[in-house]
Amino acid sequence: RRYTGDGLTPSDTDEVLPDLLAFLSRPRSKIELETMLEAHLGERAQRAWWALKTFAPIHHAPTGGPWSFARRGSYVAAPARERPSEAEAVQHLAQRYLEGFGPASVQDLAQFTLLRRSVIRNALAALGDAIVELDGPDRTTLFDVAGRAIPDEDIEAPPRLLPMWDSVLLAYSDRSRMIPPEYRRLVIHQNGDVLPTLLVDGHVAGVWRPVEGG
């Protein structure tokens, strides 16, 4: 309803998209964009901008030095790229996931990507020699990128401080891989918050927060 409440249609935004992306060849403010859209769509411009900033190929643009973002956003068109097929996109996603979190199972990838297991299996099969299969616990088949050295299981992992919502704590279907079950409700709250954690030997051993002086 927020999108179509005053008669705006997907066709309306599709029609204005080429002009919008041309306008965004350099960073533009929200006010500039709403003014531009108003010239094309009249009073529906505000709803159109809400839709386009969600779905169009647009990035937030830094407003000063690297990683600087002001309260009032600035936007720029994403670089033009040839759109991959859905199968190619899932293969790329699966390989990037394994580069970050492998070895991992089909269930792990499905949990992290919210894709069906059959889609994940097809993508892994299509990657061929780029990935390898490994034997995991309880006869689970794990996948990893080819040619990567895997440390011995008894190697000592150094203590780590992880930030809030760190992806490694959400990367696996079996969260006990890193979070002892008795700590899970303390680390992952019902509202989805994942607290900053302390890892000892690769497992969550506590939570942390900054205080004055340390």
C-alpha atoms as a PDB file:
ATOM      1  CA  ARG A   1       0.000   0.000   0.000  1.00  0.00           C
ATOM      2  CA  ARG A   2       2.849   2.370   0.745  1.00  0.00           C
ATOM      3  CA  TYR A   3       3.994   1.909  -2.837  1.00  0.00           C
ATOM      4  CA  THR A   4       0.652   1.930  -4.670  1.00  0.00           C
ATOM      5  CA  GLY A   5      -1.544   3.960  -2.305  1.00  0.00           C
ATOM      6  CA  ASP A   6      -1.810   6.969  -4.595  1.00  0.00           C
ATOM      7  CA  GLY A   7      -1.810   5.139  -7.914  1.00  0.00           C
ATOM      8  CA  LEU A   8       1.907   4.635  -8.419  1.00  0.00           C
ATOM      9  CA  THR A   9       2.694   1.468 -10.385  1.00  0.00           C
ATOM     10  CA  PRO A  10       5.904  -0.493 -11.022  1.00  0.00           C
ATOM     11  CA  SER A  11       5.609   0.616 -14.650  1.00  0.00           C
ATOM     12  CA  ASP A  12       5.826   4.244 -13.549  1.00  0.00           C
ATOM     13  CA  THR A  13       9.130   3.661 -11.777  1.00  0.00           C
ATOM     14  CA  ASP A  14      10.494   1.458 -14.576  1.00  0.00           C
ATOM     15  CA  GLU A  15       9.787   4.274 -17.006  1.00  0.00           C
ATOM     16  CA  VAL A  16      11.654   6.893 -14.987  1.00  0.00           C
ATOM     17  CA  LEU A  17      14.570   4.613 -14.041  1.00  0.00           C
ATOM     18  CA  PRO A  18      16.859   5.375 -17.053  1.00  0.00           C
ATOM     19  CA  ASP A  19      16.560   9.131 -16.449  1.00  0.00           C
ATOM     20  CA  LEU A  20      17.137   8.621 -12.734  1.00  0.00           C
ATOM     21  CA  LEU A  21      20.328   6.604 -13.251  1.00  0.00           C
ATOM     22  CA  ALA A  22      21.635   9.175 -15.723  1.00  0.00           C
ATOM     23  CA  PHE A  23      20.907  11.896 -13.137  1.00  0.00           C
ATOM     24  CA  LEU A  24      22.822   9.830 -10.566  1.00  0.00           C
ATOM     25  CA  SER A  25      26.011   9.680 -12.621  1.00  0.00           C
ATOM     26  CA  ARG A  26      27.374  11.829  -9.768  1.00  0.00           C
ATOM     27  CA  PRO A  27      26.238  11.895  -6.119  1.00  0.00           C
ATOM     28  CA  ARG A  28      22.915  13.622  -5.481  1.00  0.00           C
ATOM     29  CA  SER A  29      21.053  14.561  -2.317  1.00  0.00           C
ATOM     30  CA  LYS A  30      17.582  13.339  -1.437  1.00  0.00           C
ATOM     31  CA  ILE A  31      16.152  16.808  -2.144  1.00  0.00           C
ATOM     32  CA  GLU A  32      17.712  16.858  -5.627  1.00  0.00           C
ATOM     33  CA  LEU A  33      16.308  13.407  -6.360  1.00  0.00           C
ATOM     34  CA  GLU A  34      12.800  14.207  -5.150  1.00  0.00           C
ATOM     35  CA  THR A  35      12.808  17.394  -7.241  1.00  0.00           C
ATOM     36  CA  MET A  36      13.898  15.436 -10.309  1.00  0.00           C
ATOM     37  CA  LEU A  37      11.250  12.763  -9.753  1.00  0.00           C
ATOM     38  CA  GLU A  38       8.543  15.348  -9.114  1.00  0.00           C
ATOM     39  CA  ALA A  39       9.158  16.722 -12.595  1.00  0.00           C
ATOM     40  CA  HIS A  40       8.402  13.241 -13.978  1.00  0.00           C
ATOM     41  CA  LEU A  41       5.727  11.955 -11.587  1.00  0.00           C
ATOM     42  CA  GLY A  42       4.214  14.970  -9.845  1.00  0.00           C
ATOM     43  CA  GLU A  43       2.946  14.377  -6.307  1.00  0.00           C
ATOM     44  CA  ARG A  44       3.816  10.683  -6.484  1.00  0.00           C
ATOM     45  CA  ALA A  45       7.523  11.486  -6.405  1.00  0.00           C
ATOM     46  CA  GLN A  46       7.971  10.830  -2.683  1.00  0.00           C
ATOM     47  CA  ARG A  47       6.520   7.324  -2.898  1.00  0.00           C
ATOM     48  CA  ALA A  48       8.506   6.674  -6.057  1.00  0.00           C
ATOM     49  CA  TRP A  49      11.745   7.634  -4.311  1.00  0.00           C
ATOM     50  CA  TRP A  50      10.910   5.314  -1.385  1.00  0.00           C
ATOM     51  CA  ALA A  51      10.504   2.457  -3.851  1.00  0.00           C
ATOM     52  CA  LEU A  52      13.478   3.288  -6.057  1.00  0.00           C
ATOM     53  CA  LYS A  53      15.993   3.721  -3.250  1.00  0.00           C
ATOM     54  CA  THR A  54      14.992   0.219  -2.106  1.00  0.00           C
ATOM     55  CA  PHE A  55      15.004  -1.616  -5.433  1.00  0.00           C
ATOM     56  CA  ALA A  56      16.967   0.423  -7.990  1.00  0.00           C
ATOM     57  CA  PRO A  57      20.724  -0.098  -8.577  1.00  0.00           C
ATOM     58  CA  ILE A  58      21.711   2.798  -6.324  1.00  0.00           C
ATOM     59  CA  HIS A  59      24.427   3.114  -3.676  1.00  0.00           C
ATOM     60  CA  HIS A  60      24.832   5.433  -0.713  1.00  0.00           C
ATOM     61  CA  ALA A  61      27.724   7.735  -1.562  1.00  0.00           C
ATOM     62  CA  PRO A  62      30.358   8.842   0.985  1.00  0.00           C
ATOM     63  CA  THR A  63      29.947  12.529   1.753  1.00  0.00           C
ATOM     64  CA  GLY A  64      33.544  13.277   2.787  1.00  0.00           C
ATOM     65  CA  GLY A  65      36.565  11.049   3.257  1.00  0.00           C
ATOM     66  CA  PRO A  66      36.432   7.242   3.029  1.00  0.00           C
ATOM     67  CA  TRP A  67      33.575   5.615   4.999  1.00  0.00           C
ATOM     68  CA  SER A  68      32.056   8.998   5.874  1.00  0.00           C
ATOM     69  CA  PHE A  69      28.267   9.201   5.696  1.00  0.00           C
ATOM     70  CA  ALA A  70      26.332  12.273   6.786  1.00  0.00           C
ATOM     71  CA  ARG A  71      22.875  12.277   8.329  1.00  0.00           C
ATOM     72  CA  ARG A  72      21.483  13.591   5.062  1.00  0.00           C
ATOM     73  CA  GLY A  73      22.202  10.837   2.585  1.00  0.00           C
ATOM     74  CA  SER A  74      23.839  11.199  -0.782  1.00  0.00           C
ATOM     75  CA  TYR A  75      23.198   8.673  -3.560  1.00  0.00           C
ATOM     76  CA  VAL A  76      24.916   7.572  -6.765  1.00  0.00           C
ATOM     77  CA  ALA A  77      24.141   5.026  -9.482  1.00  0.00           C
ATOM     78  CA  ALA A  78      25.814   1.644  -9.154  1.00  0.00           C
ATOM     79  CA  PRO A  79      28.326   0.755 -11.885  1.00  0.00           C
ATOM     80  CA  ALA A  80      26.619  -0.817 -14.902  1.00  0.00           C
ATOM     81  CA  ARG A  81      27.253  -4.553 -15.095  1.00  0.00           C
ATOM     82  CA  GLU A  82      25.932  -7.362 -17.217  1.00  0.00           C
ATOM     83  CA  ARG A  83      23.231  -9.070 -15.194  1.00  0.00           C
ATOM     84  CA  PRO A  84      24.134 -12.709 -14.451  1.00  0.00           C
ATOM     85  CA  SER A  85      21.614 -15.505 -14.704  1.00  0.00           C
ATOM     86  CA  GLU A  86      19.999 -16.646 -11.469  1.00  0.00           C
ATOM     87  CA  ALA A  87      22.085 -19.835 -11.499  1.00  0.00           C
ATOM     88  CA  GLU A  88      25.329 -17.874 -11.985  1.00  0.00           C
ATOM     89  CA  ALA A  89      24.382 -15.499  -9.177  1.00  0.00           C
ATOM     90  CA  VAL A  90      23.756 -18.362  -6.733  1.00  0.00           C
ATOM     91  CA  GLN A  91      27.063 -19.995  -7.710  1.00  0.00           C
ATOM     92  CA  HIS A  92      28.903 -16.732  -7.026  1.00  0.00           C
ATOM     93  CA  LEU A  93      27.094 -16.368  -3.690  1.00  0.00           C
ATOM     94  CA  ALA A  94      27.920 -19.946  -2.669  1.00  0.00           C
ATOM     95  CA  GLN A  95      31.608 -19.552  -3.532  1.00  0.00           C
ATOM     96  CA  ARG A  96      31.886 -16.237  -1.667  1.00  0.00           C
ATOM     97  CA  TYR A  97      30.162 -17.801   1.349  1.00  0.00           C
ATOM     98  CA  LEU A  98      32.636 -20.687   1.389  1.00  0.00           C
ATOM     99  CA  GLU A  99      35.577 -18.285   1.053  1.00  0.00           C
ATOM    100  CA  GLY A 100      34.392 -16.614   4.242  1.00  0.00           C
ATOM    101  CA  PHE A 101      32.897 -19.472   6.253  1.00  0.00           C
ATOM    102  CA  GLY A 102      33.950 -22.820   4.773  1.00  0.00           C
ATOM    103  CA  PRO A 103      34.076 -25.694   5.421  1.00  0.00           C
ATOM    104  CA  ALA A 104      30.279 -25.692   5.622  1.00  0.00           C
ATOM    105  CA  SER A 105      27.334 -27.919   4.802  1.00  0.00           C
ATOM    106  CA  VAL A 106      24.404 -27.523   2.421  1.00  0.00           C
ATOM    107  CA  GLN A 107      22.257 -26.821   5.492  1.00  0.00           C
ATOM    108  CA  ASP A 108      24.651 -24.043   6.545  1.00  0.00           C
ATOM    109  CA  LEU A 109      24.450 -22.319   3.162  1.00  0.00           C
ATOM    110  CA  ALA A 110      20.673 -22.658   3.098  1.00  0.00           C
ATOM    111  CA  GLN A 111      20.403 -21.134   6.588  1.00  0.00           C
ATOM    112  CA  PHE A 112      22.636 -18.196   5.728  1.00  0.00           C
ATOM    113  CA  THR A 113      21.234 -17.416   2.268  1.00  0.00           C
ATOM    114  CA  LEU A 114      17.571 -18.368   2.906  1.00  0.00           C
ATOM    115  CA  LEU A 115      17.655 -20.371  -0.334  1.00  0.00           C
ATOM    116  CA  ARG A 116      16.235 -23.867  -0.768  1.00  0.00           C
ATOM    117  CA  ARG A 117      18.652 -26.750  -0.263  1.00  0.00           C
ATOM    118  CA  SER A 118      17.992 -28.009  -3.793  1.00  0.00           C
ATOM    119  CA  VAL A 119      19.108 -24.614  -5.175  1.00  0.00           C
ATOM    120  CA  ILE A 120      22.265 -24.755  -3.042  1.00  0.00           C
ATOM    121  CA  ARG A 121      23.074 -28.318  -4.143  1.00  0.00           C
ATOM    122  CA  ASN A 122      22.746 -27.349  -7.816  1.00  0.00           C
ATOM    123  CA  ALA A 123      25.053 -24.371  -7.326  1.00  0.00           C
ATOM    124  CA  LEU A 124      27.695 -26.460  -5.532  1.00  0.00           C
ATOM    125  CA  ALA A 125      27.568 -29.114  -8.261  1.00  0.00           C
ATOM    126  CA  ALA A 126      28.014 -26.450 -10.945  1.00  0.00           C
ATOM    127  CA  LEU A 127      31.116 -25.035  -9.209  1.00  0.00           C
ATOM    128  CA  GLY A 128      32.930 -28.291 -10.022  1.00  0.00           C
ATOM    129  CA  ASP A 129      36.649 -28.295  -9.245  1.00  0.00           C
ATOM    130  CA  ALA A 130      36.480 -24.845  -7.635  1.00  0.00           C
ATOM    131  CA  ILE A 131      35.296 -26.521  -4.420  1.00  0.00           C
ATOM    132  CA  VAL A 132      36.086 -29.740  -2.565  1.00  0.00           C
ATOM    133  CA  GLU A 133      34.057 -32.100  -0.367  1.00  0.00           C
ATOM    134  CA  LEU A 134      35.212 -32.988   3.149  1.00  0.00           C
ATOM    135  CA  ASP A 135      33.996 -35.382   5.824  1.00  0.00           C
ATOM    136  CA  GLY A 136      32.384 -33.524   8.701  1.00  0.00           C
ATOM    137  CA  PRO A 137      31.092 -34.648  12.092  1.00  0.00           C
ATOM    138  CA  ASP A 138      28.224 -37.172  12.166  1.00  0.00           C
ATOM    139  CA  ARG A 139      28.974 -38.086   8.520  1.00  0.00           C
ATOM    140  CA  THR A 140      27.950 -34.630   7.330  1.00  0.00           C
ATOM    141  CA  THR A 141      29.431 -33.628   3.979  1.00  0.00           C
ATOM    142  CA  LEU A 142      31.164 -30.271   4.167  1.00  0.00           C
ATOM    143  CA  PHE A 143      32.251 -28.067   1.257  1.00  0.00           C
ATOM    144  CA  ASP A 144      35.147 -25.649   0.964  1.00  0.00           C
ATOM    145  CA  VAL A 145      37.039 -23.748  -1.707  1.00  0.00           C
ATOM    146  CA  ALA A 146      39.749 -25.856  -3.347  1.00  0.00           C
ATOM    147  CA  GLY A 147      43.388 -25.502  -2.376  1.00  0.00           C
ATOM    148  CA  ARG A 148      42.866 -24.024   1.077  1.00  0.00           C
ATOM    149  CA  ALA A 149      44.871 -25.375   4.009  1.00  0.00           C
ATOM    150  CA  ILE A 150      42.743 -26.495   6.965  1.00  0.00           C
ATOM    151  CA  PRO A 151      44.392 -26.282  10.402  1.00  0.00           C
ATOM    152  CA  ASP A 152      44.619 -29.349  12.641  1.00  0.00           C
ATOM    153  CA  GLU A 153      41.647 -29.737  14.961  1.00  0.00           C
ATOM    154  CA  ASP A 154      43.811 -29.452  18.089  1.00  0.00           C
ATOM    155  CA  ILE A 155      45.509 -26.192  17.066  1.00  0.00           C
ATOM    156  CA  GLU A 156      44.931 -23.426  19.606  1.00  0.00           C
ATOM    157  CA  ALA A 157      42.928 -20.459  18.310  1.00  0.00           C
ATOM    158  CA  PRO A 158      43.852 -17.078  19.832  1.00  0.00           C
ATOM    159  CA  PRO A 159      41.222 -15.138  21.822  1.00  0.00           C
ATOM    160  CA  ARG A 160      39.111 -12.793  19.689  1.00  0.00           C
ATOM    161  CA  LEU A 161      36.745  -9.918  20.359  1.00  0.00           C
ATOM    162  CA  LEU A 162      33.906 -10.028  17.823  1.00  0.00           C
ATOM    163  CA  PRO A 163      31.663  -7.007  17.185  1.00  0.00           C
ATOM    164  CA  MET A 164      27.896  -6.949  17.503  1.00  0.00           C
ATOM    165  CA  TRP A 165      26.059  -8.971  14.807  1.00  0.00           C
ATOM    166  CA  ASP A 166      29.263 -10.590  13.571  1.00  0.00           C
ATOM    167  CA  SER A 167      28.332 -12.842  10.664  1.00  0.00           C
ATOM    168  CA  VAL A 168      30.459 -15.778  11.795  1.00  0.00           C
ATOM    169  CA  LEU A 169      28.025 -16.381  14.678  1.00  0.00           C
ATOM    170  CA  LEU A 170      25.120 -16.539  12.196  1.00  0.00           C
ATOM    171  CA  ALA A 171      26.883 -18.386   9.368  1.00  0.00           C
ATOM    172  CA  TYR A 172      26.007 -21.945  10.329  1.00  0.00           C
ATOM    173  CA  SER A 173      22.819 -23.942  10.753  1.00  0.00           C
ATOM    174  CA  ASP A 174      24.264 -25.490  13.912  1.00  0.00           C
ATOM    175  CA  ARG A 175      24.982 -22.452  16.086  1.00  0.00           C
ATOM    176  CA  SER A 176      26.589 -24.694  18.739  1.00  0.00           C
ATOM    177  CA  ARG A 177      29.551 -24.914  16.371  1.00  0.00           C
ATOM    178  CA  MET A 178      30.677 -21.648  17.969  1.00  0.00           C
ATOM    179  CA  ILE A 179      28.105 -20.785  20.642  1.00  0.00           C
ATOM    180  CA  PRO A 180      27.739 -23.294  23.529  1.00  0.00           C
ATOM    181  CA  PRO A 181      23.985 -24.074  23.797  1.00  0.00           C
ATOM    182  CA  GLU A 182      23.773 -22.784  27.374  1.00  0.00           C
ATOM    183  CA  TYR A 183      25.009 -19.357  26.175  1.00  0.00           C
ATOM    184  CA  ARG A 184      22.897 -18.995  23.069  1.00  0.00           C
ATOM    185  CA  ARG A 185      19.998 -17.052  24.648  1.00  0.00           C
ATOM    186  CA  LEU A 186      22.491 -14.731  26.309  1.00  0.00           C
ATOM    187  CA  VAL A 187      24.218 -14.001  22.992  1.00  0.00           C
ATOM    188  CA  ILE A 188      21.332 -14.029  20.471  1.00  0.00           C
ATOM    189  CA  HIS A 189      18.281 -12.235  21.843  1.00  0.00           C
ATOM    190  CA  GLN A 190      14.682 -12.861  20.818  1.00  0.00           C
ATOM    191  CA  ASN A 191      14.635  -9.591  18.847  1.00  0.00           C
ATOM    192  CA  GLY A 192      17.557 -10.861  16.729  1.00  0.00           C
ATOM    193  CA  ASP A 193      20.291  -8.813  18.393  1.00  0.00           C
ATOM    194  CA  VAL A 194      23.640 -10.634  18.500  1.00  0.00           C
ATOM    195  CA  LEU A 195      25.841  -9.245  21.253  1.00  0.00           C
ATOM    196  CA  PRO A 196      29.583  -8.511  20.962  1.00  0.00           C
ATOM    197  CA  THR A 197      31.331 -11.698  22.044  1.00  0.00           C
ATOM    198  CA  LEU A 198      34.641 -12.989  23.341  1.00  0.00           C
ATOM    199  CA  LEU A 199      35.946 -16.133  21.628  1.00  0.00           C
ATOM    200  CA  VAL A 200      38.294 -18.453  23.491  1.00  0.00           C
ATOM    201  CA  ASP A 201      39.713 -21.308  21.415  1.00  0.00           C
ATOM    202  CA  GLY A 202      37.110 -20.594  18.740  1.00  0.00           C
ATOM    203  CA  HIS A 203      34.039 -20.733  21.019  1.00  0.00           C
ATOM    204  CA  VAL A 204      31.989 -18.001  22.678  1.00  0.00           C
ATOM    205  CA  ALA A 205      33.142 -17.650  26.285  1.00  0.00           C
ATOM    206  CA  GLY A 206      31.591 -14.298  27.166  1.00  0.00           C
ATOM    207  CA  VAL A 207      30.222 -10.971  25.993  1.00  0.00           C
ATOM    208  CA  TRP A 208      31.915  -7.600  26.155  1.00  0.00           C
ATOM    209  CA  ARG A 209      31.169  -3.905  25.944  1.00  0.00           C
ATOM    210  CA  PRO A 210      33.302  -0.752  26.038  1.00  0.00           C
ATOM    211  CA  VAL A 211      33.413   1.142  29.327  1.00  0.00           C
ATOM    212  CA  GLU A 212      35.144   4.354  30.306  1.00  0.00           C
ATOM    213  CA  GLY A 213      38.860   3.776  30.118  1.00  0.00           C
ATOM    214  CA  GLY A 214      38.709   0.306  28.583  1.00  0.00           C
END
